[in-house]
Amino acid sequence: MTQQKNPPQIVVKDGKATAVILDIDEYEQMLERLEELDDLAALQSMRQAPLEFRKLDEFLNERSPGV
């Protein structure tokens, strides 16, 4: 038997919608989708930036000076 999800409930104050009550699973899925969209946007931004290559020693000195 599958559990039926509760439909979203809209909270109204002074005749205007002010909040929405969601099923927790639906809310968590929505957050995951938003994170994935943020990741995709960051990836697209990285792909548009020109590639820069440098020597490994330079990189390591920048990240961990004196090590």
N, C-alpha and C. Protein backbone atom coordinates (compact mmCIF):
# COMPACT_ATOMS: atom_id res chain seq x y z
N MET A 1 0.85 -1.18 0.00
CA MET A 1 0.00 0.00 0.00
C MET A 1 0.89 1.24 0.00
N THR A 2 0.63 2.18 -0.91
CA THR A 2 1.40 3.42 -0.95
C THR A 2 0.71 4.47 -0.10
N GLN A 3 1.54 5.24 0.55
CA GLN A 3 1.02 6.28 1.42
C GLN A 3 0.70 7.51 0.58
N GLN A 4 -0.49 8.06 0.76
CA GLN A 4 -0.89 9.23 0.02
C GLN A 4 -0.27 10.47 0.66
N LYS A 5 0.31 11.34 -0.19
CA LYS A 5 0.90 12.57 0.32
C LYS A 5 -0.18 13.62 0.53
N ASN A 6 0.05 14.43 1.52
CA ASN A 6 -0.88 15.53 1.78
C ASN A 6 -0.65 16.62 0.75
N PRO A 7 -1.72 17.18 0.21
CA PRO A 7 -1.53 18.29 -0.74
C PRO A 7 -1.01 19.52 0.01
N PRO A 8 -0.31 20.39 -0.69
CA PRO A 8 0.17 21.62 -0.04
C PRO A 8 -0.99 22.43 0.53
N GLN A 9 -0.76 23.04 1.68
CA GLN A 9 -1.78 23.89 2.29
C GLN A 9 -1.27 25.32 2.29
N ILE A 10 -2.09 26.23 1.84
CA ILE A 10 -1.71 27.63 1.77
C ILE A 10 -2.25 28.37 2.98
N VAL A 11 -1.37 29.09 3.66
CA VAL A 11 -1.75 29.89 4.82
C VAL A 11 -2.07 31.30 4.32
N VAL A 12 -3.24 31.79 4.68
CA VAL A 12 -3.70 33.10 4.22
C VAL A 12 -3.81 34.03 5.42
N LYS A 13 -3.25 35.24 5.24
CA LYS A 13 -3.34 36.26 6.30
C LYS A 13 -3.80 37.55 5.64
N ASP A 14 -4.82 38.15 6.17
CA ASP A 14 -5.39 39.38 5.62
C ASP A 14 -5.70 39.24 4.13
N GLY A 15 -6.21 38.06 3.74
CA GLY A 15 -6.61 37.84 2.36
C GLY A 15 -5.48 37.56 1.39
N LYS A 16 -4.23 37.45 1.91
CA LYS A 16 -3.08 37.19 1.03
C LYS A 16 -2.38 35.91 1.46
N ALA A 17 -1.93 35.14 0.47
CA ALA A 17 -1.16 33.92 0.75
C ALA A 17 0.18 34.33 1.36
N THR A 18 0.50 33.78 2.53
CA THR A 18 1.73 34.16 3.22
C THR A 18 2.69 33.00 3.43
N ALA A 19 2.20 31.77 3.35
CA ALA A 19 3.06 30.61 3.58
C ALA A 19 2.42 29.38 2.95
N VAL A 20 3.26 28.34 2.78
CA VAL A 20 2.77 27.07 2.27
C VAL A 20 3.27 25.97 3.18
N ILE A 21 2.40 25.05 3.54
CA ILE A 21 2.77 23.88 4.33
C ILE A 21 2.86 22.70 3.37
N LEU A 22 4.06 22.10 3.30
CA LEU A 22 4.31 20.98 2.38
C LEU A 22 4.59 19.71 3.14
N ASP A 23 4.34 18.58 2.48
CA ASP A 23 4.76 17.29 2.98
C ASP A 23 6.30 17.32 3.07
N ILE A 24 6.87 16.80 4.13
CA ILE A 24 8.32 16.89 4.35
C ILE A 24 9.11 16.23 3.23
N ASP A 25 8.63 15.12 2.70
CA ASP A 25 9.33 14.45 1.59
C ASP A 25 9.35 15.34 0.35
N GLU A 26 8.23 15.98 0.09
CA GLU A 26 8.14 16.88 -1.06
C GLU A 26 9.09 18.06 -0.88
N TYR A 27 9.15 18.60 0.34
CA TYR A 27 10.05 19.71 0.65
C TYR A 27 11.51 19.30 0.44
N GLU A 28 11.89 18.12 0.94
CA GLU A 28 13.27 17.66 0.79
C GLU A 28 13.62 17.43 -0.68
N GLN A 29 12.69 16.89 -1.46
CA GLN A 29 12.92 16.71 -2.89
C GLN A 29 13.10 18.05 -3.59
N MET A 30 12.34 19.03 -3.18
CA MET A 30 12.45 20.36 -3.77
C MET A 30 13.83 20.96 -3.46
N LEU A 31 14.30 20.79 -2.22
CA LEU A 31 15.62 21.29 -1.85
C LEU A 31 16.72 20.61 -2.66
N GLU A 32 16.60 19.30 -2.86
CA GLU A 32 17.58 18.57 -3.66
C GLU A 32 17.62 19.08 -5.08
N ARG A 33 16.44 19.33 -5.67
CA ARG A 33 16.39 19.85 -7.04
C ARG A 33 17.03 21.23 -7.12
N LEU A 34 16.81 22.07 -6.12
CA LEU A 34 17.42 23.40 -6.11
C LEU A 34 18.93 23.30 -6.01
N GLU A 35 19.44 22.39 -5.18
CA GLU A 35 20.88 22.20 -5.06
C GLU A 35 21.47 21.73 -6.38
N GLU A 36 20.77 20.82 -7.06
CA GLU A 36 21.24 20.34 -8.36
C GLU A 36 21.27 21.46 -9.38
N LEU A 37 20.28 22.34 -9.36
CA LEU A 37 20.27 23.48 -10.27
C LEU A 37 21.43 24.42 -9.98
N ASP A 38 21.72 24.66 -8.71
CA ASP A 38 22.87 25.49 -8.33
C ASP A 38 24.17 24.86 -8.83
N ASP A 39 24.29 23.53 -8.66
CA ASP A 39 25.49 22.83 -9.13
C ASP A 39 25.64 22.95 -10.64
N LEU A 40 24.54 22.80 -11.38
CA LEU A 40 24.59 22.93 -12.83
C LEU A 40 24.99 24.34 -13.26
N ALA A 41 24.46 25.34 -12.58
CA ALA A 41 24.81 26.72 -12.90
C ALA A 41 26.30 26.97 -12.64
N ALA A 42 26.82 26.44 -11.54
CA ALA A 42 28.25 26.60 -11.23
C ALA A 42 29.10 25.89 -12.27
N LEU A 43 28.69 24.71 -12.69
CA LEU A 43 29.43 23.96 -13.71
C LEU A 43 29.44 24.72 -15.03
N GLN A 44 28.30 25.28 -15.42
CA GLN A 44 28.25 26.05 -16.66
C GLN A 44 29.17 27.26 -16.59
N SER A 45 29.20 27.91 -15.45
CA SER A 45 30.07 29.07 -15.26
C SER A 45 31.54 28.66 -15.38
N MET A 46 31.90 27.52 -14.77
CA MET A 46 33.28 27.03 -14.84
C MET A 46 33.67 26.68 -16.27
N ARG A 47 32.73 26.12 -17.00
CA ARG A 47 33.03 25.72 -18.38
C ARG A 47 33.24 26.93 -19.29
N GLN A 48 32.65 28.06 -18.96
CA GLN A 48 32.80 29.26 -19.77
C GLN A 48 34.10 30.00 -19.47
N ALA A 49 34.67 29.78 -18.30
CA ALA A 49 35.92 30.44 -17.94
C ALA A 49 37.08 29.80 -18.71
N PRO A 50 38.05 30.60 -19.12
CA PRO A 50 39.18 30.04 -19.84
C PRO A 50 40.03 29.16 -18.91
N LEU A 51 40.58 28.11 -19.47
CA LEU A 51 41.45 27.22 -18.69
C LEU A 51 42.82 27.85 -18.51
N GLU A 52 43.34 27.72 -17.32
CA GLU A 52 44.69 28.22 -17.03
C GLU A 52 45.50 27.07 -16.47
N PHE A 53 46.64 26.83 -17.07
CA PHE A 53 47.53 25.78 -16.60
C PHE A 53 48.76 26.41 -15.98
N ARG A 54 49.26 25.76 -14.92
CA ARG A 54 50.50 26.21 -14.29
C ARG A 54 51.21 25.02 -13.69
N LYS A 55 52.40 25.24 -13.28
CA LYS A 55 53.21 24.15 -12.74
C LYS A 55 52.66 23.71 -11.38
N LEU A 56 52.81 22.42 -11.10
CA LEU A 56 52.32 21.86 -9.85
C LEU A 56 52.96 22.54 -8.65
N ASP A 57 54.25 22.82 -8.72
CA ASP A 57 54.95 23.48 -7.60
C ASP A 57 54.32 24.83 -7.28
N GLU A 58 53.96 25.60 -8.30
CA GLU A 58 53.33 26.90 -8.08
C GLU A 58 51.99 26.74 -7.36
N PHE A 59 51.22 25.78 -7.81
CA PHE A 59 49.92 25.52 -7.19
C PHE A 59 50.07 25.12 -5.73
N LEU A 60 50.98 24.17 -5.47
CA LEU A 60 51.18 23.71 -4.09
C LEU A 60 51.69 24.81 -3.19
N ASN A 61 52.58 25.66 -3.68
CA ASN A 61 53.09 26.78 -2.87
C ASN A 61 51.97 27.76 -2.53
N GLU A 62 51.05 27.94 -3.47
CA GLU A 62 49.91 28.85 -3.22
C GLU A 62 48.96 28.27 -2.19
N ARG A 63 48.68 26.98 -2.27
CA ARG A 63 47.72 26.33 -1.38
C ARG A 63 48.29 26.00 -0.01
N SER A 64 49.55 25.64 0.03
CA SER A 64 50.18 25.22 1.29
C SER A 64 51.58 25.80 1.39
N PRO A 65 51.71 27.11 1.58
CA PRO A 65 53.04 27.70 1.62
C PRO A 65 53.86 27.14 2.78
N GLY A 66 55.10 26.83 2.50
CA GLY A 66 56.02 26.36 3.54
C GLY A 66 55.90 24.89 3.89
N VAL A 67 55.06 24.16 3.19
CA VAL A 67 54.92 22.73 3.51
C VAL A 67 55.83 21.93 2.64
